[in-house]
Amino acid sequence: MKIPRNLNGRALAQSLCQHWKYLQVHQTGSHIILDTEEPFHQRIAIPAHESLRIGTLNHILKSVANHKRINRQEILDKL
């Protein structure tokens, strides 16, 4: 599993909204807040930085994968 090193926060947020049924509810400072109700409620904050740090990106992917009960690779494939 190769994690992209140059992914920005806005692109990640758009991908999650388009493919995984998240909605952007608002932006506070440099953080984009996403919400989903499927399969149950989850709210995540994504930094709107030019390139996400690898640890931050890994944590977001892990959180979404656990919530949606999928593999992180499925998320990466749709980026």
N, C-alpha and C. Protein backbone atom coordinates (compact mmCIF):
# COMPACT_ATOMS: atom_id res chain seq x y z
N MET A 1 0.85 -1.17 0.00
CA MET A 1 0.00 0.00 0.00
C MET A 1 0.89 1.23 0.00
N LYS A 2 0.88 1.98 -1.09
CA LYS A 2 1.70 3.18 -1.24
C LYS A 2 0.83 4.40 -0.97
N ILE A 3 1.19 5.16 0.06
CA ILE A 3 0.44 6.36 0.42
C ILE A 3 1.03 7.54 -0.32
N PRO A 4 0.20 8.34 -1.01
CA PRO A 4 0.72 9.48 -1.76
C PRO A 4 1.34 10.53 -0.84
N ARG A 5 2.45 11.08 -1.25
CA ARG A 5 3.18 12.06 -0.44
C ARG A 5 2.81 13.50 -0.77
N ASN A 6 2.11 13.72 -1.87
CA ASN A 6 1.83 15.09 -2.29
C ASN A 6 0.33 15.40 -2.35
N LEU A 7 -0.47 14.71 -1.58
CA LEU A 7 -1.92 14.90 -1.60
C LEU A 7 -2.28 16.10 -0.73
N ASN A 8 -3.10 17.00 -1.28
CA ASN A 8 -3.52 18.14 -0.46
C ASN A 8 -4.87 17.86 0.19
N GLY A 9 -5.17 18.62 1.23
CA GLY A 9 -6.37 18.39 2.02
C GLY A 9 -7.66 18.57 1.25
N ARG A 10 -7.70 19.56 0.37
CA ARG A 10 -8.92 19.80 -0.41
C ARG A 10 -9.23 18.63 -1.34
N ALA A 11 -8.20 18.07 -1.95
CA ALA A 11 -8.40 16.93 -2.85
C ALA A 11 -8.91 15.71 -2.08
N LEU A 12 -8.37 15.50 -0.89
CA LEU A 12 -8.83 14.39 -0.06
C LEU A 12 -10.29 14.59 0.35
N ALA A 13 -10.64 15.79 0.76
CA ALA A 13 -12.02 16.09 1.15
C ALA A 13 -12.98 15.88 -0.02
N GLN A 14 -12.60 16.34 -1.21
CA GLN A 14 -13.45 16.16 -2.38
C GLN A 14 -13.64 14.69 -2.72
N SER A 15 -12.58 13.92 -2.60
CA SER A 15 -12.67 12.48 -2.89
C SER A 15 -13.58 11.78 -1.89
N LEU A 16 -13.47 12.12 -0.61
CA LEU A 16 -14.33 11.51 0.40
C LEU A 16 -15.79 11.88 0.17
N CYS A 17 -16.04 13.12 -0.22
CA CYS A 17 -17.41 13.54 -0.50
C CYS A 17 -17.97 12.84 -1.74
N GLN A 18 -17.15 12.70 -2.75
CA GLN A 18 -17.62 12.12 -4.01
C GLN A 18 -17.83 10.62 -3.93
N HIS A 19 -16.92 9.91 -3.26
CA HIS A 19 -16.96 8.45 -3.30
C HIS A 19 -17.49 7.78 -2.03
N TRP A 20 -17.42 8.47 -0.89
CA TRP A 20 -17.73 7.79 0.37
C TRP A 20 -18.85 8.45 1.16
N LYS A 21 -19.66 9.29 0.52
CA LYS A 21 -20.88 9.87 1.10
C LYS A 21 -20.61 10.77 2.32
N TYR A 22 -19.54 11.53 2.26
CA TYR A 22 -19.29 12.56 3.26
C TYR A 22 -19.81 13.88 2.71
N LEU A 23 -20.19 14.78 3.59
CA LEU A 23 -20.63 16.12 3.22
C LEU A 23 -19.76 17.14 3.94
N GLN A 24 -19.37 18.18 3.21
CA GLN A 24 -18.62 19.25 3.86
C GLN A 24 -19.63 20.14 4.57
N VAL A 25 -19.53 20.22 5.91
CA VAL A 25 -20.49 21.01 6.67
C VAL A 25 -20.01 22.43 6.88
N HIS A 26 -18.71 22.63 7.06
CA HIS A 26 -18.16 23.97 7.15
C HIS A 26 -16.64 23.90 7.18
N GLN A 27 -16.03 25.07 7.21
CA GLN A 27 -14.58 25.15 7.33
C GLN A 27 -14.26 26.12 8.44
N THR A 28 -13.42 25.66 9.36
CA THR A 28 -12.99 26.49 10.47
C THR A 28 -11.50 26.73 10.31
N GLY A 29 -11.14 27.96 9.99
CA GLY A 29 -9.73 28.25 9.75
C GLY A 29 -9.22 27.44 8.59
N SER A 30 -8.19 26.67 8.82
CA SER A 30 -7.62 25.86 7.74
C SER A 30 -8.04 24.41 7.82
N HIS A 31 -9.16 24.12 8.48
CA HIS A 31 -9.64 22.74 8.60
C HIS A 31 -11.02 22.61 7.96
N ILE A 32 -11.15 21.62 7.10
CA ILE A 32 -12.42 21.31 6.45
C ILE A 32 -13.11 20.25 7.31
N ILE A 33 -14.35 20.51 7.69
CA ILE A 33 -15.10 19.60 8.53
C ILE A 33 -16.07 18.81 7.65
N LEU A 34 -15.93 17.48 7.70
CA LEU A 34 -16.79 16.58 6.93
C LEU A 34 -17.65 15.76 7.88
N ASP A 35 -18.85 15.44 7.41
CA ASP A 35 -19.83 14.71 8.19
C ASP A 35 -20.41 13.59 7.34
N THR A 36 -20.74 12.47 7.97
CA THR A 36 -21.47 11.40 7.29
C THR A 36 -22.44 10.76 8.27
N GLU A 37 -23.47 10.17 7.73
CA GLU A 37 -24.45 9.45 8.54
C GLU A 37 -24.48 7.97 8.19
N GLU A 38 -23.63 7.54 7.27
CA GLU A 38 -23.65 6.14 6.84
C GLU A 38 -22.36 5.43 7.24
N PRO A 39 -22.36 4.35 7.90
CA PRO A 39 -23.51 3.64 8.45
C PRO A 39 -24.04 4.28 9.74
N PHE A 40 -23.26 5.16 10.37
CA PHE A 40 -23.71 5.94 11.52
C PHE A 40 -22.92 7.24 11.50
N HIS A 41 -23.19 8.13 12.44
CA HIS A 41 -22.60 9.46 12.41
C HIS A 41 -21.09 9.44 12.65
N GLN A 42 -20.39 10.22 11.84
CA GLN A 42 -18.96 10.46 12.04
C GLN A 42 -18.65 11.86 11.53
N ARG A 43 -17.81 12.57 12.25
CA ARG A 43 -17.35 13.89 11.85
C ARG A 43 -15.83 13.86 11.88
N ILE A 44 -15.21 14.32 10.79
CA ILE A 44 -13.75 14.37 10.74
C ILE A 44 -13.31 15.75 10.27
N ALA A 45 -12.13 16.13 10.70
CA ALA A 45 -11.52 17.40 10.30
C ALA A 45 -10.31 17.09 9.44
N ILE A 46 -10.24 17.76 8.29
CA ILE A 46 -9.12 17.57 7.38
C ILE A 46 -8.41 18.91 7.19
N PRO A 47 -7.12 18.96 7.46
CA PRO A 47 -6.38 20.21 7.24
C PRO A 47 -6.38 20.56 5.75
N ALA A 48 -6.67 21.80 5.43
CA ALA A 48 -6.70 22.26 4.04
C ALA A 48 -5.31 22.75 3.64
N HIS A 49 -4.30 21.94 3.87
CA HIS A 49 -2.92 22.31 3.57
C HIS A 49 -2.54 21.82 2.18
N GLU A 50 -1.49 22.40 1.63
CA GLU A 50 -1.03 22.02 0.29
C GLU A 50 -0.63 20.56 0.21
N SER A 51 0.10 20.08 1.20
CA SER A 51 0.41 18.65 1.24
C SER A 51 0.24 18.17 2.68
N LEU A 52 -0.53 17.12 2.82
CA LEU A 52 -0.79 16.57 4.15
C LEU A 52 0.42 15.79 4.64
N ARG A 53 0.70 15.88 5.91
CA ARG A 53 1.76 15.06 6.48
C ARG A 53 1.34 13.61 6.42
N ILE A 54 2.31 12.74 6.27
CA ILE A 54 2.02 11.32 6.08
C ILE A 54 1.27 10.72 7.27
N GLY A 55 1.63 11.13 8.48
CA GLY A 55 0.95 10.63 9.68
C GLY A 55 -0.49 11.10 9.76
N THR A 56 -0.72 12.35 9.39
CA THR A 56 -2.07 12.91 9.40
C THR A 56 -2.94 12.20 8.36
N LEU A 57 -2.40 12.04 7.17
CA LEU A 57 -3.13 11.35 6.12
C LEU A 57 -3.43 9.90 6.52
N ASN A 58 -2.45 9.23 7.08
CA ASN A 58 -2.62 7.84 7.51
C ASN A 58 -3.72 7.73 8.57
N HIS A 59 -3.76 8.67 9.51
CA HIS A 59 -4.79 8.65 10.55
C HIS A 59 -6.18 8.88 9.97
N ILE A 60 -6.31 9.81 9.03
CA ILE A 60 -7.60 10.07 8.40
C ILE A 60 -8.07 8.84 7.63
N LEU A 61 -7.17 8.23 6.86
CA LEU A 61 -7.52 7.03 6.09
C LEU A 61 -7.94 5.89 7.01
N LYS A 62 -7.22 5.73 8.11
CA LYS A 62 -7.54 4.67 9.06
C LYS A 62 -8.91 4.90 9.70
N SER A 63 -9.20 6.14 10.05
CA SER A 63 -10.47 6.49 10.66
C SER A 63 -11.64 6.23 9.71
N VAL A 64 -11.50 6.66 8.46
CA VAL A 64 -12.56 6.46 7.47
C VAL A 64 -12.74 4.97 7.17
N ALA A 65 -11.63 4.25 7.02
CA ALA A 65 -11.70 2.82 6.72
C ALA A 65 -12.39 2.05 7.85
N ASN A 66 -12.07 2.37 9.09
CA ASN A 66 -12.72 1.70 10.22
C ASN A 66 -14.20 2.03 10.28
N HIS A 67 -14.54 3.29 10.01
CA HIS A 67 -15.94 3.71 10.07
C HIS A 67 -16.77 3.04 8.97
N LYS A 68 -16.23 2.99 7.77
CA LYS A 68 -16.96 2.41 6.64
C LYS A 68 -16.78 0.90 6.52
N ARG A 69 -15.94 0.33 7.38
CA ARG A 69 -15.64 -1.11 7.38
C ARG A 69 -15.09 -1.58 6.03
N ILE A 70 -14.10 -0.83 5.56
CA ILE A 70 -13.42 -1.17 4.32
C ILE A 70 -11.92 -1.15 4.56
N ASN A 71 -11.17 -1.51 3.54
CA ASN A 71 -9.72 -1.50 3.60
C ASN A 71 -9.21 -0.11 3.17
N ARG A 72 -8.12 0.35 3.76
CA ARG A 72 -7.57 1.66 3.38
C ARG A 72 -7.21 1.72 1.89
N GLN A 73 -6.84 0.58 1.32
CA GLN A 73 -6.46 0.55 -0.09
C GLN A 73 -7.64 0.94 -0.99
N GLU A 74 -8.86 0.61 -0.59
CA GLU A 74 -10.04 0.99 -1.38
C GLU A 74 -10.17 2.50 -1.46
N ILE A 75 -9.86 3.18 -0.36
CA ILE A 75 -9.91 4.66 -0.36
C ILE A 75 -8.81 5.21 -1.24
N LEU A 76 -7.61 4.66 -1.09
CA LEU A 76 -6.47 5.13 -1.89
C LEU A 76 -6.69 4.93 -3.38
N ASP A 77 -7.36 3.85 -3.75
CA ASP A 77 -7.63 3.57 -5.16
C ASP A 77 -8.53 4.64 -5.79
N LYS A 78 -9.35 5.29 -5.00
CA LYS A 78 -10.28 6.29 -5.54
C LYS A 78 -9.79 7.71 -5.41
N LEU A 79 -8.56 7.89 -4.94
CA LEU A 79 -8.01 9.24 -4.83
C LEU A 79 -7.57 9.75 -6.18
